[in-house]
Amino acid sequence: MTGPTLADALTAAEGVEGWLSDDQAGRLWERAAALRPGDRIVEIGSYRGRSAIVLATAAPEGVEIVAIDPHAGNDRGPREIRGSGAAGEADHRAFVENLRRAGVSERVRHVRRPSQDALDAVEGDVALLYVDAAHRYGPARADLERWGARVAPAGTMLVHDAFSSVGVTLALARLLFRSPEWRYAGRSRSLAEYRREPLRGRERRRNLVRQLAQLPWFARNLGIKAALTMRLRRVARALGSSTWPY
């Protein structure tokens, strides 16, 4: 008897607002489905539940899933750094309802706190960490540094808006580009994957080069965002997209 498939997860998440493309959902699915009972997933930044539904549908029984989001109305999406409590409450209600409708409410433990206030809400190592929270440099760096330290050896950290958001990319450059313990494993659009494993000598230099090779794509994304902000849609299309890149 086979379990749920990626197609099942995409169907369950259909119509749920969020910035997670199907190929990004596929990467989440593969990493979550490969876990074992007793492992733990932590998601930082849930919004209305799209990624949480994918993770909960993919993860085998016995895998703990923790979704951390204060639903305070801030950092809700592109150009929505500051929001309102009413917007946050609407997001929270939608999150709860979307998980219920997808049939995964019992699988996800929601911690309604800012990520840096939630470190004590999770005990033990994390096998899979998914970071899609505040994209400013300070908060992004804090999430990667403090929560990244909780990832077990051979564990995985997935970072959304890598090589797309300035703050997130600067945090990656500061903490991971030259890191001796985080191997860059590729990306699906802006969803970058890192694996916690030791790197030495040439491996470490090759790892740096692979990440630096993403910077032209990063520059392209910044150009698209600037063009869309200035309502220059023809320019954005010429650069490769008429919608906000993620």
C-alpha atoms as a PDB file:
ATOM      1  CA  MET A   1       0.000   0.000   0.000  1.00  0.00           C
ATOM      2  CA  THR A   2       1.471   3.309  -1.062  1.00  0.00           C
ATOM      3  CA  GLY A   3       1.150   6.579   0.818  1.00  0.00           C
ATOM      4  CA  PRO A   4       0.258  10.075  -0.370  1.00  0.00           C
ATOM      5  CA  THR A   5       2.059  11.457  -3.412  1.00  0.00           C
ATOM      6  CA  LEU A   6       3.293  14.901  -4.377  1.00  0.00           C
ATOM      7  CA  ALA A   7       0.198  15.217  -6.556  1.00  0.00           C
ATOM      8  CA  ASP A   8      -1.921  14.593  -3.452  1.00  0.00           C
ATOM      9  CA  ALA A   9      -0.047  17.320  -1.575  1.00  0.00           C
ATOM     10  CA  LEU A  10      -0.469  19.811  -4.405  1.00  0.00           C
ATOM     11  CA  THR A  11      -4.163  19.019  -4.552  1.00  0.00           C
ATOM     12  CA  ALA A  12      -4.480  19.499  -0.785  1.00  0.00           C
ATOM     13  CA  ALA A  13      -2.665  22.857  -1.016  1.00  0.00           C
ATOM     14  CA  GLU A  14      -4.542  24.033  -4.111  1.00  0.00           C
ATOM     15  CA  GLY A  15      -6.047  27.465  -3.604  1.00  0.00           C
ATOM     16  CA  VAL A  16      -4.039  28.165  -0.444  1.00  0.00           C
ATOM     17  CA  GLU A  17      -2.389  31.562  -0.727  1.00  0.00           C
ATOM     18  CA  GLY A  18       1.388  31.673  -0.568  1.00  0.00           C
ATOM     19  CA  TRP A  19       4.602  31.969  -2.522  1.00  0.00           C
ATOM     20  CA  LEU A  20       5.527  28.352  -3.108  1.00  0.00           C
ATOM     21  CA  SER A  21       5.725  27.097  -6.672  1.00  0.00           C
ATOM     22  CA  ASP A  22       5.028  23.490  -7.613  1.00  0.00           C
ATOM     23  CA  ASP A  23       8.719  22.725  -8.171  1.00  0.00           C
ATOM     24  CA  GLN A  24       9.566  24.213  -4.778  1.00  0.00           C
ATOM     25  CA  ALA A  25       6.804  22.132  -3.220  1.00  0.00           C
ATOM     26  CA  GLY A  26       8.404  19.115  -4.884  1.00  0.00           C
ATOM     27  CA  ARG A  27      11.722  19.805  -3.163  1.00  0.00           C
ATOM     28  CA  LEU A  28       9.983  20.161   0.194  1.00  0.00           C
ATOM     29  CA  TRP A  29       8.098  16.953  -0.492  1.00  0.00           C
ATOM     30  CA  GLU A  30      11.206  14.934  -1.330  1.00  0.00           C
ATOM     31  CA  ARG A  31      13.117  16.029   1.762  1.00  0.00           C
ATOM     32  CA  ALA A  32      10.159  15.499   4.115  1.00  0.00           C
ATOM     33  CA  ALA A  33       9.223  12.121   2.614  1.00  0.00           C
ATOM     34  CA  ALA A  34      12.775  10.852   3.177  1.00  0.00           C
ATOM     35  CA  LEU A  35      12.597  11.362   6.957  1.00  0.00           C
ATOM     36  CA  ARG A  36      12.071   8.613   9.516  1.00  0.00           C
ATOM     37  CA  PRO A  37       9.786   8.299  12.540  1.00  0.00           C
ATOM     38  CA  GLY A  38      11.279  10.253  15.408  1.00  0.00           C
ATOM     39  CA  ASP A  39      12.673  12.970  13.127  1.00  0.00           C
ATOM     40  CA  ARG A  40      11.534  16.560  13.435  1.00  0.00           C
ATOM     41  CA  ILE A  41      10.579  19.239  10.882  1.00  0.00           C
ATOM     42  CA  VAL A  42      10.552  22.919  11.825  1.00  0.00           C
ATOM     43  CA  GLU A  43       9.011  25.494   9.525  1.00  0.00           C
ATOM     44  CA  ILE A  44       9.698  29.173  10.216  1.00  0.00           C
ATOM     45  CA  GLY A  45       7.113  31.311   8.460  1.00  0.00           C
ATOM     46  CA  SER A  46       3.836  29.570   7.639  1.00  0.00           C
ATOM     47  CA  TYR A  47       1.570  32.382   6.390  1.00  0.00           C
ATOM     48  CA  ARG A  48      -1.655  30.581   5.416  1.00  0.00           C
ATOM     49  CA  GLY A  49      -0.348  27.027   5.450  1.00  0.00           C
ATOM     50  CA  ARG A  50       0.604  26.164   1.883  1.00  0.00           C
ATOM     51  CA  SER A  51       4.057  24.777   2.705  1.00  0.00           C
ATOM     52  CA  ALA A  52       2.915  23.252   6.002  1.00  0.00           C
ATOM     53  CA  ILE A  53       0.320  21.214   4.116  1.00  0.00           C
ATOM     54  CA  VAL A  54       2.975  19.898   1.724  1.00  0.00           C
ATOM     55  CA  LEU A  55       5.335  18.990   4.566  1.00  0.00           C
ATOM     56  CA  ALA A  56       2.611  17.312   6.625  1.00  0.00           C
ATOM     57  CA  THR A  57       1.327  15.326   3.661  1.00  0.00           C
ATOM     58  CA  ALA A  58       4.831  14.137   2.765  1.00  0.00           C
ATOM     59  CA  ALA A  59       6.267  13.299   6.177  1.00  0.00           C
ATOM     60  CA  PRO A  60       5.919   9.694   7.394  1.00  0.00           C
ATOM     61  CA  GLU A  61       3.913   8.986  10.516  1.00  0.00           C
ATOM     62  CA  GLY A  62       5.956   9.595  13.628  1.00  0.00           C
ATOM     63  CA  VAL A  63       7.714  12.670  12.256  1.00  0.00           C
ATOM     64  CA  GLU A  64       7.059  15.765  14.375  1.00  0.00           C
ATOM     65  CA  ILE A  65       6.099  18.907  12.437  1.00  0.00           C
ATOM     66  CA  VAL A  66       6.341  22.313  14.095  1.00  0.00           C
ATOM     67  CA  ALA A  67       5.128  25.453  12.297  1.00  0.00           C
ATOM     68  CA  ILE A  68       6.364  28.728  13.787  1.00  0.00           C
ATOM     69  CA  ASP A  69       4.573  31.932  12.828  1.00  0.00           C
ATOM     70  CA  PRO A  70       3.284  34.721  15.103  1.00  0.00           C
ATOM     71  CA  HIS A  71       0.606  35.716  12.585  1.00  0.00           C
ATOM     72  CA  ALA A  72       1.151  39.290  13.685  1.00  0.00           C
ATOM     73  CA  GLY A  73       0.373  40.866  10.323  1.00  0.00           C
ATOM     74  CA  ASN A  74       3.981  41.740   9.496  1.00  0.00           C
ATOM     75  CA  ASP A  75       6.296  40.197   6.879  1.00  0.00           C
ATOM     76  CA  ARG A  76       3.333  38.708   5.058  1.00  0.00           C
ATOM     77  CA  GLY A  77       4.779  38.780   1.551  1.00  0.00           C
ATOM     78  CA  PRO A  78       6.407  40.953  -1.102  1.00  0.00           C
ATOM     79  CA  ARG A  79       6.457  44.612  -0.007  1.00  0.00           C
ATOM     80  CA  GLU A  80       4.376  43.803   3.093  1.00  0.00           C
ATOM     81  CA  ILE A  81       6.937  44.224   5.856  1.00  0.00           C
ATOM     82  CA  ARG A  82       4.567  46.170   8.084  1.00  0.00           C
ATOM     83  CA  GLY A  83       0.965  45.125   8.476  1.00  0.00           C
ATOM     84  CA  SER A  84      -1.861  45.108  10.973  1.00  0.00           C
ATOM     85  CA  GLY A  85      -3.100  42.880  13.746  1.00  0.00           C
ATOM     86  CA  ALA A  86      -6.308  42.384  11.795  1.00  0.00           C
ATOM     87  CA  ALA A  87      -4.365  41.021   8.831  1.00  0.00           C
ATOM     88  CA  GLY A  88      -2.476  38.695  11.149  1.00  0.00           C
ATOM     89  CA  GLU A  89      -5.687  37.370  12.673  1.00  0.00           C
ATOM     90  CA  ALA A  90      -7.093  36.773   9.189  1.00  0.00           C
ATOM     91  CA  ASP A  91      -3.931  34.844   8.293  1.00  0.00           C
ATOM     92  CA  HIS A  92      -4.215  32.766  11.450  1.00  0.00           C
ATOM     93  CA  ARG A  93      -7.838  31.856  10.802  1.00  0.00           C
ATOM     94  CA  ALA A  94      -7.006  30.936   7.221  1.00  0.00           C
ATOM     95  CA  PHE A  95      -4.011  28.859   8.369  1.00  0.00           C
ATOM     96  CA  VAL A  96      -6.122  26.852  10.805  1.00  0.00           C
ATOM     97  CA  GLU A  97      -8.924  26.333   8.305  1.00  0.00           C
ATOM     98  CA  ASN A  98      -6.600  25.390   5.454  1.00  0.00           C
ATOM     99  CA  LEU A  99      -4.844  22.743   7.545  1.00  0.00           C
ATOM    100  CA  ARG A 100      -8.216  21.408   8.695  1.00  0.00           C
ATOM    101  CA  ARG A 101      -9.531  21.200   5.150  1.00  0.00           C
ATOM    102  CA  ALA A 102      -6.350  19.423   4.012  1.00  0.00           C
ATOM    103  CA  GLY A 103      -6.742  16.897   6.815  1.00  0.00           C
ATOM    104  CA  VAL A 104      -3.362  17.621   8.449  1.00  0.00           C
ATOM    105  CA  SER A 105      -4.348  19.654  11.525  1.00  0.00           C
ATOM    106  CA  GLU A 106      -3.393  16.860  13.896  1.00  0.00           C
ATOM    107  CA  ARG A 107       0.032  16.501  12.319  1.00  0.00           C
ATOM    108  CA  VAL A 108       1.170  20.122  12.721  1.00  0.00           C
ATOM    109  CA  ARG A 109       1.951  21.832  16.024  1.00  0.00           C
ATOM    110  CA  HIS A 110       1.663  25.583  15.596  1.00  0.00           C
ATOM    111  CA  VAL A 111       3.829  27.835  17.752  1.00  0.00           C
ATOM    112  CA  ARG A 112       2.369  31.319  17.504  1.00  0.00           C
ATOM    113  CA  ARG A 113       5.469  33.292  18.428  1.00  0.00           C
ATOM    114  CA  PRO A 114       8.230  35.166  16.594  1.00  0.00           C
ATOM    115  CA  SER A 115      10.907  32.692  15.580  1.00  0.00           C
ATOM    116  CA  GLN A 116      13.550  33.994  17.975  1.00  0.00           C
ATOM    117  CA  ASP A 117      11.105  33.700  20.876  1.00  0.00           C
ATOM    118  CA  ALA A 118      10.264  30.118  19.944  1.00  0.00           C
ATOM    119  CA  LEU A 119      13.646  28.455  20.314  1.00  0.00           C
ATOM    120  CA  ASP A 120      12.631  26.968  23.658  1.00  0.00           C
ATOM    121  CA  ALA A 121       9.387  25.611  22.186  1.00  0.00           C
ATOM    122  CA  VAL A 122      11.258  22.909  20.275  1.00  0.00           C
ATOM    123  CA  GLU A 123      13.386  20.346  22.088  1.00  0.00           C
ATOM    124  CA  GLY A 124      16.165  18.410  20.442  1.00  0.00           C
ATOM    125  CA  ASP A 125      17.671  18.376  16.971  1.00  0.00           C
ATOM    126  CA  VAL A 126      15.889  19.293  13.757  1.00  0.00           C
ATOM    127  CA  ALA A 127      16.176  16.970  10.766  1.00  0.00           C
ATOM    128  CA  LEU A 128      14.580  19.382   8.283  1.00  0.00           C
ATOM    129  CA  LEU A 129      14.445  23.154   8.731  1.00  0.00           C
ATOM    130  CA  TYR A 130      12.448  25.304   6.306  1.00  0.00           C
ATOM    131  CA  VAL A 131      13.004  29.060   6.618  1.00  0.00           C
ATOM    132  CA  ASP A 132      10.571  31.471   4.949  1.00  0.00           C
ATOM    133  CA  ALA A 133      10.120  34.235   7.502  1.00  0.00           C
ATOM    134  CA  ALA A 134      11.203  37.887   7.688  1.00  0.00           C
ATOM    135  CA  HIS A 135      13.426  38.728   4.719  1.00  0.00           C
ATOM    136  CA  ARG A 136      15.301  41.694   6.197  1.00  0.00           C
ATOM    137  CA  TYR A 137      18.978  41.012   6.870  1.00  0.00           C
ATOM    138  CA  GLY A 138      18.877  41.052  10.684  1.00  0.00           C
ATOM    139  CA  PRO A 139      15.945  38.672  11.208  1.00  0.00           C
ATOM    140  CA  ALA A 140      17.034  36.440   8.312  1.00  0.00           C
ATOM    141  CA  ARG A 141      20.538  36.139   9.715  1.00  0.00           C
ATOM    142  CA  ALA A 142      19.191  35.362  13.190  1.00  0.00           C
ATOM    143  CA  ASP A 143      16.967  32.588  11.810  1.00  0.00           C
ATOM    144  CA  LEU A 144      19.756  31.022   9.770  1.00  0.00           C
ATOM    145  CA  GLU A 145      22.267  31.289  12.582  1.00  0.00           C
ATOM    146  CA  ARG A 146      20.267  30.292  15.638  1.00  0.00           C
ATOM    147  CA  TRP A 147      17.832  27.837  14.100  1.00  0.00           C
ATOM    148  CA  GLY A 148      20.465  26.528  11.709  1.00  0.00           C
ATOM    149  CA  ALA A 149      22.511  25.541  14.739  1.00  0.00           C
ATOM    150  CA  ARG A 150      19.647  23.230  15.730  1.00  0.00           C
ATOM    151  CA  VAL A 151      19.879  21.203  12.513  1.00  0.00           C
ATOM    152  CA  ALA A 152      21.354  17.756  13.134  1.00  0.00           C
ATOM    153  CA  PRO A 153      24.466  16.537  11.308  1.00  0.00           C
ATOM    154  CA  ALA A 154      23.422  15.314   7.845  1.00  0.00           C
ATOM    155  CA  GLY A 155      20.208  17.323   8.242  1.00  0.00           C
ATOM    156  CA  THR A 156      18.774  19.735   5.698  1.00  0.00           C
ATOM    157  CA  MET A 157      18.016  23.447   5.737  1.00  0.00           C
ATOM    158  CA  LEU A 158      15.796  24.894   2.996  1.00  0.00           C
ATOM    159  CA  VAL A 159      15.784  28.679   2.582  1.00  0.00           C
ATOM    160  CA  HIS A 160      13.111  30.495   0.581  1.00  0.00           C
ATOM    161  CA  ASP A 161      13.882  33.722  -1.301  1.00  0.00           C
ATOM    162  CA  ALA A 162      17.555  32.851  -1.480  1.00  0.00           C
ATOM    163  CA  PHE A 163      19.246  34.727  -4.323  1.00  0.00           C
ATOM    164  CA  SER A 164      16.074  36.781  -4.672  1.00  0.00           C
ATOM    165  CA  SER A 165      15.685  38.846  -1.485  1.00  0.00           C
ATOM    166  CA  VAL A 166      18.544  41.215  -0.645  1.00  0.00           C
ATOM    167  CA  GLY A 167      18.324  40.564   3.102  1.00  0.00           C
ATOM    168  CA  VAL A 168      18.182  36.787   2.794  1.00  0.00           C
ATOM    169  CA  THR A 169      20.997  36.672   0.240  1.00  0.00           C
ATOM    170  CA  LEU A 170      23.240  38.883   2.383  1.00  0.00           C
ATOM    171  CA  ALA A 171      22.569  36.600   5.356  1.00  0.00           C
ATOM    172  CA  LEU A 172      23.473  33.566   3.258  1.00  0.00           C
ATOM    173  CA  ALA A 173      26.660  35.270   2.090  1.00  0.00           C
ATOM    174  CA  ARG A 174      27.644  36.127   5.645  1.00  0.00           C
ATOM    175  CA  LEU A 175      26.911  32.756   7.220  1.00  0.00           C
ATOM    176  CA  LEU A 176      26.917  30.029   4.569  1.00  0.00           C
ATOM    177  CA  PHE A 177      28.972  30.969   1.524  1.00  0.00           C
ATOM    178  CA  ARG A 178      32.276  30.136   3.250  1.00  0.00           C
ATOM    179  CA  SER A 179      30.878  27.863   5.922  1.00  0.00           C
ATOM    180  CA  PRO A 180      32.838  24.695   6.749  1.00  0.00           C
ATOM    181  CA  GLU A 181      29.629  22.824   7.629  1.00  0.00           C
ATOM    182  CA  TRP A 182      26.918  23.726   5.119  1.00  0.00           C
ATOM    183  CA  ARG A 183      26.999  22.226   1.625  1.00  0.00           C
ATOM    184  CA  TYR A 184      24.943  24.017  -1.033  1.00  0.00           C
ATOM    185  CA  ALA A 185      22.852  21.330  -2.751  1.00  0.00           C
ATOM    186  CA  GLY A 186      21.027  23.421  -5.367  1.00  0.00           C
ATOM    187  CA  ARG A 187      17.807  25.376  -5.644  1.00  0.00           C
ATOM    188  CA  SER A 188      14.314  25.383  -7.094  1.00  0.00           C
ATOM    189  CA  ARG A 189      13.900  28.992  -8.180  1.00  0.00           C
ATOM    190  CA  SER A 190      14.552  30.867  -4.929  1.00  0.00           C
ATOM    191  CA  LEU A 191      14.283  27.825  -2.657  1.00  0.00           C
ATOM    192  CA  ALA A 192      17.895  26.949  -1.807  1.00  0.00           C
ATOM    193  CA  GLU A 193      18.887  23.680  -0.180  1.00  0.00           C
ATOM    194  CA  TYR A 194      21.781  23.249   2.236  1.00  0.00           C
ATOM    195  CA  ARG A 195      22.942  20.052   3.915  1.00  0.00           C
ATOM    196  CA  ARG A 196      24.819  20.056   7.167  1.00  0.00           C
ATOM    197  CA  GLU A 197      28.036  18.156   6.530  1.00  0.00           C
ATOM    198  CA  PRO A 198      31.741  18.955   6.969  1.00  0.00           C
ATOM    199  CA  LEU A 199      33.598  20.673   4.138  1.00  0.00           C
ATOM    200  CA  ARG A 200      37.353  20.995   3.837  1.00  0.00           C
ATOM    201  CA  GLY A 201      39.903  22.376   1.424  1.00  0.00           C
ATOM    202  CA  ARG A 202      38.860  22.094  -2.195  1.00  0.00           C
ATOM    203  CA  GLU A 203      35.313  21.010  -1.306  1.00  0.00           C
ATOM    204  CA  ARG A 204      34.828  24.219   0.639  1.00  0.00           C
ATOM    205  CA  ARG A 205      36.162  26.332  -2.235  1.00  0.00           C
ATOM    206  CA  ARG A 206      33.955  24.523  -4.757  1.00  0.00           C
ATOM    207  CA  ASN A 207      30.985  25.078  -2.471  1.00  0.00           C
ATOM    208  CA  LEU A 208      31.702  28.815  -2.449  1.00  0.00           C
ATOM    209  CA  VAL A 209      31.999  28.925  -6.242  1.00  0.00           C
ATOM    210  CA  ARG A 210      28.664  27.121  -6.689  1.00  0.00           C
ATOM    211  CA  GLN A 211      26.934  29.747  -4.580  1.00  0.00           C
ATOM    212  CA  LEU A 212      28.681  32.684  -6.242  1.00  0.00           C
ATOM    213  CA  ALA A 213      27.444  31.291  -9.565  1.00  0.00           C
ATOM    214  CA  GLN A 214      23.875  32.126  -8.452  1.00  0.00           C
ATOM    215  CA  LEU A 215      24.585  35.864  -8.223  1.00  0.00           C
ATOM    216  CA  PRO A 216      23.738  36.692 -11.877  1.00  0.00           C
ATOM    217  CA  TRP A 217      20.292  35.164 -11.275  1.00  0.00           C
ATOM    218  CA  PHE A 218      20.080  37.243  -8.091  1.00  0.00           C
ATOM    219  CA  ALA A 219      20.877  40.407 -10.085  1.00  0.00           C
ATOM    220  CA  ARG A 220      18.211  39.467 -12.629  1.00  0.00           C
ATOM    221  CA  ASN A 221      15.635  39.119  -9.843  1.00  0.00           C
ATOM    222  CA  LEU A 222      16.548  42.498  -8.387  1.00  0.00           C
ATOM    223  CA  GLY A 223      16.146  44.044 -11.840  1.00  0.00           C
ATOM    224  CA  ILE A 224      12.686  42.493 -12.232  1.00  0.00           C
ATOM    225  CA  LYS A 225      11.610  43.759  -8.808  1.00  0.00           C
ATOM    226  CA  ALA A 226      12.876  47.255  -9.556  1.00  0.00           C
ATOM    227  CA  ALA A 227      11.088  47.308 -12.914  1.00  0.00           C
ATOM    228  CA  LEU A 228       7.802  46.112 -11.396  1.00  0.00           C
ATOM    229  CA  THR A 229       8.071  48.641  -8.588  1.00  0.00           C
ATOM    230  CA  MET A 230       8.492  51.404 -11.182  1.00  0.00           C
ATOM    231  CA  ARG A 231       5.664  49.878 -13.262  1.00  0.00           C
ATOM    232  CA  LEU A 232       7.984  49.118 -16.157  1.00  0.00           C
ATOM    233  CA  ARG A 233       6.393  45.814 -17.091  1.00  0.00           C
ATOM    234  CA  ARG A 234       8.032  45.645 -20.505  1.00  0.00           C
ATOM    235  CA  VAL A 235      11.425  45.848 -18.858  1.00  0.00           C
ATOM    236  CA  ALA A 236      10.431  43.170 -16.337  1.00  0.00           C
ATOM    237  CA  ARG A 237       9.260  40.884 -19.144  1.00  0.00           C
ATOM    238  CA  ALA A 238      12.503  41.471 -21.012  1.00  0.00           C
ATOM    239  CA  LEU A 239      14.376  40.350 -17.903  1.00  0.00           C
ATOM    240  CA  GLY A 240      12.327  37.166 -17.764  1.00  0.00           C
ATOM    241  CA  SER A 241       9.188  37.682 -15.680  1.00  0.00           C
ATOM    242  CA  SER A 242       6.185  39.997 -15.419  1.00  0.00           C
ATOM    243  CA  THR A 243       5.445  38.831 -11.854  1.00  0.00           C
ATOM    244  CA  TRP A 244       7.320  39.184  -8.586  1.00  0.00           C
ATOM    245  CA  PRO A 245      10.060  36.516  -8.627  1.00  0.00           C
ATOM    246  CA  TYR A 246      10.165  33.855  -5.946  1.00  0.00           C
END
